[in-house]
Amino acid sequence: MYGAKTTLATASAGATGTTMATGAGVWVVFAAITVLFALSAVVQFVRPARAHRP
C-alpha cells in the first residue's frame, strides 16, 4: 500500500514537474499526523479502562 502511494506520488510529481522531495514530504507529514492521531486515540481508550480496574 505504501509502495503504491509512493509510486503514484512519484508519477504525479514527474507529470506536474515538481520535485520528488515535495511529494515525499507531503506523504511523510500525512503519515506522521495519522500516526499521532492513532496514538492519541489509543491512549484515550486505554486510560479509562486502566482507571476503572481495581
PDB file of N, CA and C in Angstrom:
ATOM      1  N   MET A   1       0.845  -1.200   0.000  1.00  0.00           N
ATOM      2  CA  MET A   1       0.000   0.000   0.000  1.00  0.00           C
ATOM      3  C   MET A   1       0.879   1.248   0.000  1.00  0.00           C
ATOM      4  N   TYR A   2       1.888   1.260   0.860  1.00  0.00           N
ATOM      5  CA  TYR A   2       2.791   2.411   0.885  1.00  0.00           C
ATOM      6  C   TYR A   2       3.553   2.505  -0.421  1.00  0.00           C
ATOM      7  N   GLY A   3       3.945   1.351  -0.974  1.00  0.00           N
ATOM      8  CA  GLY A   3       4.662   1.356  -2.244  1.00  0.00           C
ATOM      9  C   GLY A   3       3.803   1.935  -3.346  1.00  0.00           C
ATOM     10  N   ALA A   4       2.510   1.596  -3.341  1.00  0.00           N
ATOM     11  CA  ALA A   4       1.608   2.121  -4.364  1.00  0.00           C
ATOM     12  C   ALA A   4       1.474   3.632  -4.228  1.00  0.00           C
ATOM     13  N   LYS A   5       1.391   4.114  -2.998  1.00  0.00           N
ATOM     14  CA  LYS A   5       1.252   5.556  -2.788  1.00  0.00           C
ATOM     15  C   LYS A   5       2.498   6.299  -3.256  1.00  0.00           C
ATOM     16  N   THR A   6       3.669   5.756  -2.929  1.00  0.00           N
ATOM     17  CA  THR A   6       4.894   6.436  -3.344  1.00  0.00           C
ATOM     18  C   THR A   6       5.031   6.400  -4.853  1.00  0.00           C
ATOM     19  N   THR A   7       4.590   5.309  -5.477  1.00  0.00           N
ATOM     20  CA  THR A   7       4.648   5.222  -6.938  1.00  0.00           C
ATOM     21  C   THR A   7       3.726   6.267  -7.551  1.00  0.00           C
ATOM     22  N   LEU A   8       2.524   6.404  -7.010  1.00  0.00           N
ATOM     23  CA  LEU A   8       1.584   7.405  -7.520  1.00  0.00           C
ATOM     24  C   LEU A   8       2.128   8.805  -7.284  1.00  0.00           C
ATOM     25  N   ALA A   9       2.712   9.035  -6.117  1.00  0.00           N
ATOM     26  CA  ALA A   9       3.261  10.350  -5.806  1.00  0.00           C
ATOM     27  C   ALA A   9       4.400  10.683  -6.751  1.00  0.00           C
ATOM     28  N   THR A  10       5.242   9.694  -7.039  1.00  0.00           N
ATOM     29  CA  THR A  10       6.366   9.923  -7.946  1.00  0.00           C
ATOM     30  C   THR A  10       5.859  10.204  -9.352  1.00  0.00           C
ATOM     31  N   ALA A  11       4.858   9.441  -9.790  1.00  0.00           N
ATOM     32  CA  ALA A  11       4.327   9.636 -11.135  1.00  0.00           C
ATOM     33  C   ALA A  11       3.668  11.003 -11.263  1.00  0.00           C
ATOM     34  N   SER A  12       2.886  11.392 -10.262  1.00  0.00           N
ATOM     35  CA  SER A  12       2.214  12.689 -10.331  1.00  0.00           C
ATOM     36  C   SER A  12       3.235  13.820 -10.242  1.00  0.00           C
ATOM     37  N   ALA A  13       4.276  13.628  -9.426  1.00  0.00           N
ATOM     38  CA  ALA A  13       5.300  14.661  -9.297  1.00  0.00           C
ATOM     39  C   ALA A  13       6.035  14.836 -10.617  1.00  0.00           C
ATOM     40  N   GLY A  14       6.336  13.721 -11.295  1.00  0.00           N
ATOM     41  CA  GLY A  14       7.021  13.806 -12.581  1.00  0.00           C
ATOM     42  C   GLY A  14       6.131  14.443 -13.632  1.00  0.00           C
ATOM     43  N   ALA A  15       4.835  14.173 -13.562  1.00  0.00           N
ATOM     44  CA  ALA A  15       3.914  14.704 -14.566  1.00  0.00           C
ATOM     45  C   ALA A  15       3.729  16.210 -14.392  1.00  0.00           C
ATOM     46  N   THR A  16       3.701  16.662 -13.150  1.00  0.00           N
ATOM     47  CA  THR A  16       3.461  18.084 -12.902  1.00  0.00           C
ATOM     48  C   THR A  16       4.755  18.886 -12.909  1.00  0.00           C
ATOM     49  N   GLY A  17       5.889  18.206 -12.929  1.00  0.00           N
ATOM     50  CA  GLY A  17       7.160  18.903 -12.985  1.00  0.00           C
ATOM     51  C   GLY A  17       7.677  19.327 -11.621  1.00  0.00           C
ATOM     52  N   THR A  18       7.047  18.865 -10.549  1.00  0.00           N
ATOM     53  CA  THR A  18       7.523  19.205  -9.210  1.00  0.00           C
ATOM     54  C   THR A  18       8.627  18.239  -8.807  1.00  0.00           C
ATOM     55  N   THR A  19       9.331  18.561  -7.745  1.00  0.00           N
ATOM     56  CA  THR A  19      10.405  17.684  -7.286  1.00  0.00           C
ATOM     57  C   THR A  19       9.819  16.527  -6.493  1.00  0.00           C
ATOM     58  N   MET A  20      10.540  15.416  -6.468  1.00  0.00           N
ATOM     59  CA  MET A  20      10.064  14.256  -5.719  1.00  0.00           C
ATOM     60  C   MET A  20      10.113  14.527  -4.218  1.00  0.00           C
ATOM     61  N   ALA A  21      11.043  15.379  -3.792  1.00  0.00           N
ATOM     62  CA  ALA A  21      11.166  15.689  -2.373  1.00  0.00           C
ATOM     63  C   ALA A  21       9.866  16.296  -1.849  1.00  0.00           C
ATOM     64  N   THR A  22       9.237  17.120  -2.669  1.00  0.00           N
ATOM     65  CA  THR A  22       7.980  17.737  -2.247  1.00  0.00           C
ATOM     66  C   THR A  22       6.906  16.675  -2.067  1.00  0.00           C
ATOM     67  N   GLY A  23       6.780  15.768  -3.031  1.00  0.00           N
ATOM     68  CA  GLY A  23       5.776  14.713  -2.932  1.00  0.00           C
ATOM     69  C   GLY A  23       6.032  13.809  -1.741  1.00  0.00           C
ATOM     70  N   ALA A  24       7.303  13.446  -1.524  1.00  0.00           N
ATOM     71  CA  ALA A  24       7.638  12.585  -0.395  1.00  0.00           C
ATOM     72  C   ALA A  24       7.365  13.306   0.921  1.00  0.00           C
ATOM     73  N   GLY A  25       7.669  14.604   0.972  1.00  0.00           N
ATOM     74  CA  GLY A  25       7.442  15.368   2.189  1.00  0.00           C
ATOM     75  C   GLY A  25       5.974  15.406   2.570  1.00  0.00           C
ATOM     76  N   VAL A  26       5.108  15.534   1.574  1.00  0.00           N
ATOM     77  CA  VAL A  26       3.666  15.552   1.845  1.00  0.00           C
ATOM     78  C   VAL A  26       3.234  14.228   2.452  1.00  0.00           C
ATOM     79  N   TRP A  27       3.716  13.117   1.905  1.00  0.00           N
ATOM     80  CA  TRP A  27       3.336  11.802   2.438  1.00  0.00           C
ATOM     81  C   TRP A  27       3.897  11.603   3.834  1.00  0.00           C
ATOM     82  N   VAL A  28       5.115  12.100   4.089  1.00  0.00           N
ATOM     83  CA  VAL A  28       5.716  11.951   5.419  1.00  0.00           C
ATOM     84  C   VAL A  28       4.902  12.718   6.451  1.00  0.00           C
ATOM     85  N   VAL A  29       4.525  13.947   6.116  1.00  0.00           N
ATOM     86  CA  VAL A  29       3.722  14.754   7.044  1.00  0.00           C
ATOM     87  C   VAL A  29       2.364  14.100   7.268  1.00  0.00           C
ATOM     88  N   PHE A  30       1.740  13.621   6.185  1.00  0.00           N
ATOM     89  CA  PHE A  30       0.439  12.962   6.303  1.00  0.00           C
ATOM     90  C   PHE A  30       0.540  11.711   7.170  1.00  0.00           C
ATOM     91  N   ALA A  31       1.598  10.931   6.974  1.00  0.00           N
ATOM     92  CA  ALA A  31       1.786   9.712   7.769  1.00  0.00           C
ATOM     93  C   ALA A  31       2.020  10.053   9.236  1.00  0.00           C
ATOM     94  N   ALA A  32       2.809  11.097   9.498  1.00  0.00           N
ATOM     95  CA  ALA A  32       3.093  11.487  10.879  1.00  0.00           C
ATOM     96  C   ALA A  32       1.822  11.925  11.597  1.00  0.00           C
ATOM     97  N   ILE A  33       0.990  12.721  10.917  1.00  0.00           N
ATOM     98  CA  ILE A  33      -0.264  13.174  11.522  1.00  0.00           C
ATOM     99  C   ILE A  33      -1.172  11.980  11.795  1.00  0.00           C
ATOM    100  N   THR A  34      -1.236  11.043  10.844  1.00  0.00           N
ATOM    101  CA  THR A  34      -2.084   9.866  11.017  1.00  0.00           C
ATOM    102  C   THR A  34      -1.622   9.027  12.202  1.00  0.00           C
ATOM    103  N   VAL A  35      -0.311   8.829  12.330  1.00  0.00           N
ATOM    104  CA  VAL A  35       0.231   8.034  13.437  1.00  0.00           C
ATOM    105  C   VAL A  35      -0.039   8.718  14.769  1.00  0.00           C
ATOM    106  N   LEU A  36       0.180  10.031  14.834  1.00  0.00           N
ATOM    107  CA  LEU A  36      -0.061  10.756  16.082  1.00  0.00           C
ATOM    108  C   LEU A  36      -1.539  10.691  16.469  1.00  0.00           C
ATOM    109  N   PHE A  37      -2.430  10.824  15.492  1.00  0.00           N
ATOM    110  CA  PHE A  37      -3.863  10.745  15.768  1.00  0.00           C
ATOM    111  C   PHE A  37      -4.235   9.357  16.274  1.00  0.00           C
ATOM    112  N   ALA A  38      -3.665   8.321  15.654  1.00  0.00           N
ATOM    113  CA  ALA A  38      -3.958   6.951  16.078  1.00  0.00           C
ATOM    114  C   ALA A  38      -3.463   6.706  17.503  1.00  0.00           C
ATOM    115  N   LEU A  39      -2.260   7.185  17.813  1.00  0.00           N
ATOM    116  CA  LEU A  39      -1.715   7.001  19.156  1.00  0.00           C
ATOM    117  C   LEU A  39      -2.570   7.721  20.196  1.00  0.00           C
ATOM    118  N   SER A  40      -3.007   8.936  19.894  1.00  0.00           N
ATOM    119  CA  SER A  40      -3.832   9.675  20.847  1.00  0.00           C
ATOM    120  C   SER A  40      -5.168   8.964  21.059  1.00  0.00           C
ATOM    121  N   ALA A  41      -5.729   8.390  20.000  1.00  0.00           N
ATOM    122  CA  ALA A  41      -6.991   7.660  20.123  1.00  0.00           C
ATOM    123  C   ALA A  41      -6.803   6.423  21.003  1.00  0.00           C
ATOM    124  N   VAL A  42      -5.700   5.715  20.812  1.00  0.00           N
ATOM    125  CA  VAL A  42      -5.418   4.529  21.629  1.00  0.00           C
ATOM    126  C   VAL A  42      -5.273   4.921  23.092  1.00  0.00           C
ATOM    127  N   VAL A  43      -4.564   6.002  23.356  1.00  0.00           N
ATOM    128  CA  VAL A  43      -4.373   6.454  24.739  1.00  0.00           C
ATOM    129  C   VAL A  43      -5.717   6.801  25.366  1.00  0.00           C
ATOM    130  N   GLN A  44      -6.583   7.459  24.632  1.00  0.00           N
ATOM    131  CA  GLN A  44      -7.892   7.841  25.164  1.00  0.00           C
ATOM    132  C   GLN A  44      -8.720   6.612  25.529  1.00  0.00           C
ATOM    133  N   PHE A  45      -8.602   5.540  24.741  1.00  0.00           N
ATOM    134  CA  PHE A  45      -9.381   4.333  25.023  1.00  0.00           C
ATOM    135  C   PHE A  45      -8.756   3.496  26.135  1.00  0.00           C
ATOM    136  N   VAL A  46      -7.428   3.509  26.244  1.00  0.00           N
ATOM    137  CA  VAL A  46      -6.752   2.645  27.213  1.00  0.00           C
ATOM    138  C   VAL A  46      -6.779   3.243  28.614  1.00  0.00           C
ATOM    139  N   ARG A  47      -6.589   4.540  28.737  1.00  0.00           N
ATOM    140  CA  ARG A  47      -6.516   5.163  30.063  1.00  0.00           C
ATOM    141  C   ARG A  47      -7.782   4.957  30.900  1.00  0.00           C
ATOM    142  N   PRO A  48      -8.984   5.204  30.375  1.00  0.00           N
ATOM    143  CA  PRO A  48     -10.185   4.976  31.194  1.00  0.00           C
ATOM    144  C   PRO A  48     -10.315   3.520  31.630  1.00  0.00           C
ATOM    145  N   ALA A  49      -9.938   2.574  30.756  1.00  0.00           N
ATOM    146  CA  ALA A  49     -10.031   1.160  31.110  1.00  0.00           C
ATOM    147  C   ALA A  49      -9.112   0.847  32.290  1.00  0.00           C
ATOM    148  N   ARG A  50      -7.911   1.398  32.286  1.00  0.00           N
ATOM    149  CA  ARG A  50      -6.983   1.167  33.394  1.00  0.00           C
ATOM    150  C   ARG A  50      -7.486   1.834  34.674  1.00  0.00           C
ATOM    151  N   ALA A  51      -8.093   3.005  34.554  1.00  0.00           N
ATOM    152  CA  ALA A  51      -8.538   3.744  35.733  1.00  0.00           C
ATOM    153  C   ALA A  51      -9.678   3.011  36.438  1.00  0.00           C
ATOM    154  N   HIS A  52     -10.543   2.332  35.695  1.00  0.00           N
ATOM    155  CA  HIS A  52     -11.696   1.668  36.302  1.00  0.00           C
ATOM    156  C   HIS A  52     -11.341   0.310  36.898  1.00  0.00           C
ATOM    157  N   ARG A  53     -10.182  -0.214  36.548  1.00  0.00           N
ATOM    158  CA  ARG A  53      -9.804  -1.515  37.106  1.00  0.00           C
ATOM    159  C   ARG A  53      -9.348  -1.352  38.555  1.00  0.00           C
ATOM    160  N   PRO A  54      -9.714  -2.287  39.399  1.00  0.00           N
ATOM    161  CA  PRO A  54      -9.325  -2.207  40.820  1.00  0.00           C
ATOM    162  C   PRO A  54      -7.845  -2.468  41.019  1.00  0.00           C
TER     163      PRO A  54
END
